[in-house]
């Protein structure tokens, strides 16, 4: 199942710099592990914001919840999830059918 996920990060301005550095390092390692495994095939920075738009490929809603809730930045995020479906005008589908 594919999901478009927008993650907006809101770190406290007074967060201890060492705590922030640790959380960011763990977040990067975890997200890159998910990218390498294929669970997180796409990630884009939303220009001008501390935010990303990602596509996650998971087996079900529970796996999506598990993946997102294990993000080290999860307590500092506002997350918007949109389930994705194949569009009938997608030319990749037309090419597969030929």
N, C-alpha and C. Protein backbone atom coordinates (compact mmCIF):
# COMPACT_ATOMS: atom_id res chain seq x y z
N UNK A 1 0.85 -1.18 0.00
CA UNK A 1 0.00 0.00 0.00
C UNK A 1 0.89 1.24 0.00
N UNK A 2 0.56 2.17 -0.85
CA UNK A 2 1.32 3.41 -0.93
C UNK A 2 0.59 4.53 -0.20
N UNK A 3 1.36 5.32 0.53
CA UNK A 3 0.83 6.46 1.25
C UNK A 3 1.71 7.67 0.98
N UNK A 4 1.08 8.82 0.71
CA UNK A 4 1.80 10.09 0.69
C UNK A 4 1.75 10.62 2.12
N UNK A 5 2.91 10.97 2.65
CA UNK A 5 2.98 11.41 4.04
C UNK A 5 3.73 12.74 4.09
N UNK A 6 3.06 13.75 4.62
CA UNK A 6 3.71 15.04 4.85
C UNK A 6 4.05 15.12 6.34
N UNK A 7 5.32 15.41 6.62
CA UNK A 7 5.79 15.51 8.00
C UNK A 7 6.35 16.90 8.23
N UNK A 8 5.70 17.65 9.11
CA UNK A 8 6.16 18.98 9.50
C UNK A 8 6.81 18.85 10.88
N UNK A 9 8.05 19.33 10.99
CA UNK A 9 8.81 19.21 12.23
C UNK A 9 8.76 20.52 13.00
N UNK A 10 8.51 20.40 14.32
CA UNK A 10 8.41 21.56 15.20
C UNK A 10 9.25 21.32 16.44
N UNK A 11 10.57 21.51 16.31
CA UNK A 11 11.45 21.34 17.47
C UNK A 11 11.35 22.57 18.38
N UNK A 12 11.37 22.34 19.69
CA UNK A 12 11.33 23.49 20.61
C UNK A 12 12.58 24.37 20.41
N UNK A 13 12.40 25.67 20.35
CA UNK A 13 13.55 26.55 20.12
C UNK A 13 14.60 26.46 21.22
N UNK A 14 14.19 26.07 22.42
CA UNK A 14 15.12 25.98 23.54
C UNK A 14 15.65 24.56 23.77
N UNK A 15 15.48 23.68 22.77
CA UNK A 15 15.96 22.30 22.92
C UNK A 15 17.48 22.30 23.09
N UNK A 16 17.95 21.49 23.99
CA UNK A 16 19.39 21.35 24.22
C UNK A 16 20.07 20.93 22.91
N UNK A 17 21.13 21.61 22.51
CA UNK A 17 21.80 21.29 21.23
C UNK A 17 22.30 19.85 21.14
N UNK A 18 22.75 19.28 22.24
CA UNK A 18 23.22 17.89 22.23
C UNK A 18 22.06 16.91 22.03
N UNK A 19 20.94 17.19 22.66
CA UNK A 19 19.73 16.36 22.49
C UNK A 19 19.26 16.46 21.04
N UNK A 20 19.23 17.68 20.51
CA UNK A 20 18.81 17.89 19.12
C UNK A 20 19.72 17.12 18.16
N UNK A 21 21.02 17.22 18.34
CA UNK A 21 21.97 16.53 17.46
C UNK A 21 21.76 15.02 17.53
N UNK A 22 21.51 14.49 18.72
CA UNK A 22 21.28 13.06 18.88
C UNK A 22 20.01 12.61 18.16
N UNK A 23 18.93 13.35 18.36
CA UNK A 23 17.66 13.01 17.71
C UNK A 23 17.79 13.06 16.19
N UNK A 24 18.44 14.10 15.68
CA UNK A 24 18.59 14.24 14.23
C UNK A 24 19.46 13.12 13.65
N UNK A 25 20.50 12.71 14.36
CA UNK A 25 21.35 11.62 13.87
C UNK A 25 20.57 10.30 13.85
N UNK A 26 19.79 10.04 14.90
CA UNK A 26 18.98 8.82 14.94
C UNK A 26 17.89 8.84 13.87
N UNK A 27 17.29 10.00 13.64
CA UNK A 27 16.26 10.15 12.59
C UNK A 27 16.86 9.84 11.22
N UNK A 28 18.01 10.40 10.93
CA UNK A 28 18.65 10.17 9.64
C UNK A 28 18.97 8.69 9.44
N UNK A 29 19.55 8.06 10.45
CA UNK A 29 19.90 6.63 10.34
C UNK A 29 18.66 5.77 10.13
N UNK A 30 17.59 6.03 10.89
CA UNK A 30 16.36 5.25 10.78
C UNK A 30 15.71 5.45 9.41
N UNK A 31 15.62 6.70 8.95
CA UNK A 31 14.96 6.95 7.67
C UNK A 31 15.77 6.37 6.51
N UNK A 32 17.10 6.42 6.61
CA UNK A 32 17.91 5.83 5.54
C UNK A 32 17.81 4.31 5.53
N UNK A 33 17.68 3.71 6.69
CA UNK A 33 17.46 2.26 6.76
C UNK A 33 16.14 1.90 6.07
N UNK A 34 15.09 2.68 6.33
CA UNK A 34 13.80 2.43 5.69
C UNK A 34 13.87 2.66 4.18
N UNK A 35 14.65 3.65 3.74
CA UNK A 35 14.81 3.89 2.31
C UNK A 35 15.51 2.70 1.65
N UNK A 36 16.56 2.21 2.27
CA UNK A 36 17.31 1.08 1.70
C UNK A 36 16.46 -0.18 1.64
N UNK A 37 15.53 -0.35 2.59
CA UNK A 37 14.68 -1.54 2.61
C UNK A 37 13.52 -1.46 1.64
N UNK A 38 13.28 -0.26 1.06
CA UNK A 38 12.18 -0.09 0.12
C UNK A 38 10.89 0.39 0.74
N UNK A 39 10.85 0.50 2.06
CA UNK A 39 9.64 0.98 2.74
C UNK A 39 9.42 2.47 2.48
N UNK A 40 10.52 3.21 2.29
CA UNK A 40 10.44 4.66 2.11
C UNK A 40 11.09 5.00 0.77
N UNK A 41 10.40 4.71 -0.36
CA UNK A 41 11.03 4.86 -1.67
C UNK A 41 11.24 6.30 -2.13
N UNK A 42 10.49 7.27 -1.58
CA UNK A 42 10.63 8.66 -2.04
C UNK A 42 10.56 9.61 -0.86
N UNK A 43 11.45 10.61 -0.86
CA UNK A 43 11.41 11.68 0.13
C UNK A 43 11.85 12.98 -0.53
N UNK A 44 11.07 14.02 -0.32
CA UNK A 44 11.38 15.33 -0.87
C UNK A 44 11.28 16.37 0.25
N UNK A 45 12.17 17.33 0.24
CA UNK A 45 12.10 18.47 1.15
C UNK A 45 11.05 19.42 0.60
N UNK A 46 10.20 19.96 1.48
CA UNK A 46 9.26 21.01 1.09
C UNK A 46 10.00 22.33 1.23
N UNK A 47 10.26 22.98 0.11
CA UNK A 47 11.10 24.18 0.08
C UNK A 47 10.58 25.25 1.05
N UNK A 48 11.52 25.81 1.81
CA UNK A 48 11.20 26.89 2.71
C UNK A 48 10.57 26.48 4.02
N UNK A 49 10.46 25.17 4.27
CA UNK A 49 9.83 24.69 5.51
C UNK A 49 10.69 23.58 6.09
N UNK A 50 10.55 23.33 7.38
CA UNK A 50 11.18 22.16 7.99
C UNK A 50 10.16 21.03 7.86
N UNK A 51 10.06 20.52 6.64
CA UNK A 51 8.99 19.61 6.29
C UNK A 51 9.44 18.73 5.12
N UNK A 52 8.84 17.54 5.03
CA UNK A 52 9.09 16.70 3.87
C UNK A 52 7.79 16.09 3.39
N UNK A 53 7.80 15.72 2.12
CA UNK A 53 6.72 14.95 1.51
C UNK A 53 7.34 13.64 1.08
N UNK A 54 6.79 12.56 1.59
CA UNK A 54 7.37 11.24 1.34
C UNK A 54 6.31 10.29 0.82
N UNK A 55 6.76 9.24 0.15
CA UNK A 55 5.91 8.13 -0.21
C UNK A 55 6.43 6.92 0.55
N UNK A 56 5.54 6.27 1.28
CA UNK A 56 5.89 5.06 2.01
C UNK A 56 5.13 3.90 1.41
N UNK A 57 5.79 2.76 1.31
CA UNK A 57 5.23 1.54 0.71
C UNK A 57 5.21 0.48 1.80
N UNK A 58 4.03 0.26 2.39
CA UNK A 58 3.88 -0.65 3.52
C UNK A 58 2.78 -1.66 3.24
N UNK A 59 2.74 -2.73 4.03
CA UNK A 59 1.74 -3.77 3.79
C UNK A 59 0.35 -3.39 4.27
N UNK A 60 0.27 -2.53 5.31
CA UNK A 60 -1.04 -2.17 5.84
C UNK A 60 -0.93 -0.94 6.74
N UNK A 61 -2.09 -0.49 7.24
CA UNK A 61 -2.15 0.69 8.10
C UNK A 61 -1.32 0.52 9.36
N UNK A 62 -1.31 -0.68 9.92
CA UNK A 62 -0.56 -0.91 11.14
C UNK A 62 0.95 -0.74 10.92
N UNK A 63 1.45 -1.26 9.81
CA UNK A 63 2.87 -1.08 9.53
C UNK A 63 3.19 0.41 9.33
N UNK A 64 2.31 1.13 8.67
CA UNK A 64 2.52 2.57 8.50
C UNK A 64 2.60 3.25 9.87
N UNK A 65 1.66 2.92 10.74
CA UNK A 65 1.67 3.49 12.09
C UNK A 65 2.96 3.15 12.83
N UNK A 66 3.38 1.90 12.73
CA UNK A 66 4.60 1.47 13.41
C UNK A 66 5.82 2.22 12.89
N UNK A 67 5.93 2.35 11.58
CA UNK A 67 7.08 3.05 10.97
C UNK A 67 7.11 4.51 11.42
N UNK A 68 5.96 5.18 11.34
CA UNK A 68 5.92 6.60 11.68
C UNK A 68 6.14 6.84 13.17
N UNK A 69 5.54 6.02 14.01
CA UNK A 69 5.64 6.26 15.45
C UNK A 69 7.02 5.93 16.00
N UNK A 70 7.85 5.21 15.23
CA UNK A 70 9.21 4.92 15.65
C UNK A 70 10.22 5.97 15.18
N UNK A 71 9.76 6.96 14.41
CA UNK A 71 10.65 8.04 14.02
C UNK A 71 11.11 8.80 15.26
N UNK A 72 12.40 9.00 15.45
CA UNK A 72 12.86 9.76 16.61
C UNK A 72 12.25 11.16 16.71
N UNK A 73 11.93 11.78 15.56
CA UNK A 73 11.31 13.11 15.58
C UNK A 73 9.78 13.06 15.73
N UNK A 74 9.20 11.87 15.80
CA UNK A 74 7.74 11.72 15.86
C UNK A 74 7.08 12.63 16.92
N UNK A 75 7.63 12.72 18.13
CA UNK A 75 6.96 13.59 19.13
C UNK A 75 6.92 15.06 18.74
N UNK A 76 7.72 15.45 17.77
CA UNK A 76 7.83 16.85 17.36
C UNK A 76 7.23 17.09 15.97
N UNK A 77 6.43 16.15 15.48
CA UNK A 77 5.90 16.24 14.13
C UNK A 77 4.39 16.40 14.10
N UNK A 78 3.94 17.11 13.07
CA UNK A 78 2.56 17.06 12.64
C UNK A 78 2.59 16.27 11.34
N UNK A 79 1.79 15.20 11.28
CA UNK A 79 1.85 14.28 10.14
C UNK A 79 0.49 14.22 9.46
N UNK A 80 0.51 14.30 8.13
CA UNK A 80 -0.70 14.18 7.33
C UNK A 80 -0.50 13.00 6.38
N UNK A 81 -1.43 12.05 6.40
CA UNK A 81 -1.32 10.83 5.60
C UNK A 81 -2.44 10.78 4.57
N UNK A 82 -2.06 10.46 3.32
CA UNK A 82 -3.03 10.30 2.24
C UNK A 82 -2.79 8.94 1.58
N UNK A 83 -3.77 8.02 1.63
CA UNK A 83 -3.63 6.77 0.90
C UNK A 83 -3.61 7.05 -0.60
N UNK A 84 -2.79 6.30 -1.33
CA UNK A 84 -2.66 6.49 -2.78
C UNK A 84 -3.22 5.30 -3.54
N UNK A 85 -3.80 5.58 -4.68
CA UNK A 85 -4.32 4.54 -5.57
C UNK A 85 -3.79 4.81 -6.97
N UNK A 86 -3.70 3.79 -7.76
CA UNK A 86 -3.24 3.91 -9.14
C UNK A 86 -4.23 4.76 -9.94
N UNK A 87 -3.68 5.64 -10.76
CA UNK A 87 -4.52 6.50 -11.61
C UNK A 87 -4.67 5.85 -12.97
N UNK A 88 -5.89 5.80 -13.52
CA UNK A 88 -6.10 5.12 -14.80
C UNK A 88 -5.39 5.78 -15.98
N UNK A 89 -4.95 7.01 -15.86
CA UNK A 89 -4.22 7.68 -16.94
C UNK A 89 -2.71 7.57 -16.81
N UNK A 90 -2.24 6.80 -15.83
CA UNK A 90 -0.79 6.62 -15.63
C UNK A 90 -0.23 5.87 -16.83
N UNK A 91 0.70 6.51 -17.55
CA UNK A 91 1.24 5.86 -18.75
C UNK A 91 2.05 4.62 -18.43
N UNK A 92 2.56 4.50 -17.22
CA UNK A 92 3.29 3.28 -16.84
C UNK A 92 2.36 2.08 -16.90
N UNK A 93 1.11 2.26 -16.54
CA UNK A 93 0.13 1.16 -16.62
C UNK A 93 -0.14 0.79 -18.06
N UNK A 94 -0.21 1.80 -18.93
CA UNK A 94 -0.45 1.54 -20.34
C UNK A 94 0.70 0.76 -20.95
N UNK A 95 1.92 1.13 -20.55
CA UNK A 95 3.11 0.44 -21.09
C UNK A 95 3.20 -0.99 -20.58
N UNK A 96 2.77 -1.23 -19.33
CA UNK A 96 2.79 -2.58 -18.78
C UNK A 96 1.81 -3.49 -19.52
N UNK A 97 0.67 -2.91 -19.94
CA UNK A 97 -0.36 -3.69 -20.61
C UNK A 97 -0.07 -4.03 -22.05
N UNK A 98 0.95 -3.38 -22.65
CA UNK A 98 1.21 -3.64 -24.07
C UNK A 98 2.12 -4.82 -24.28
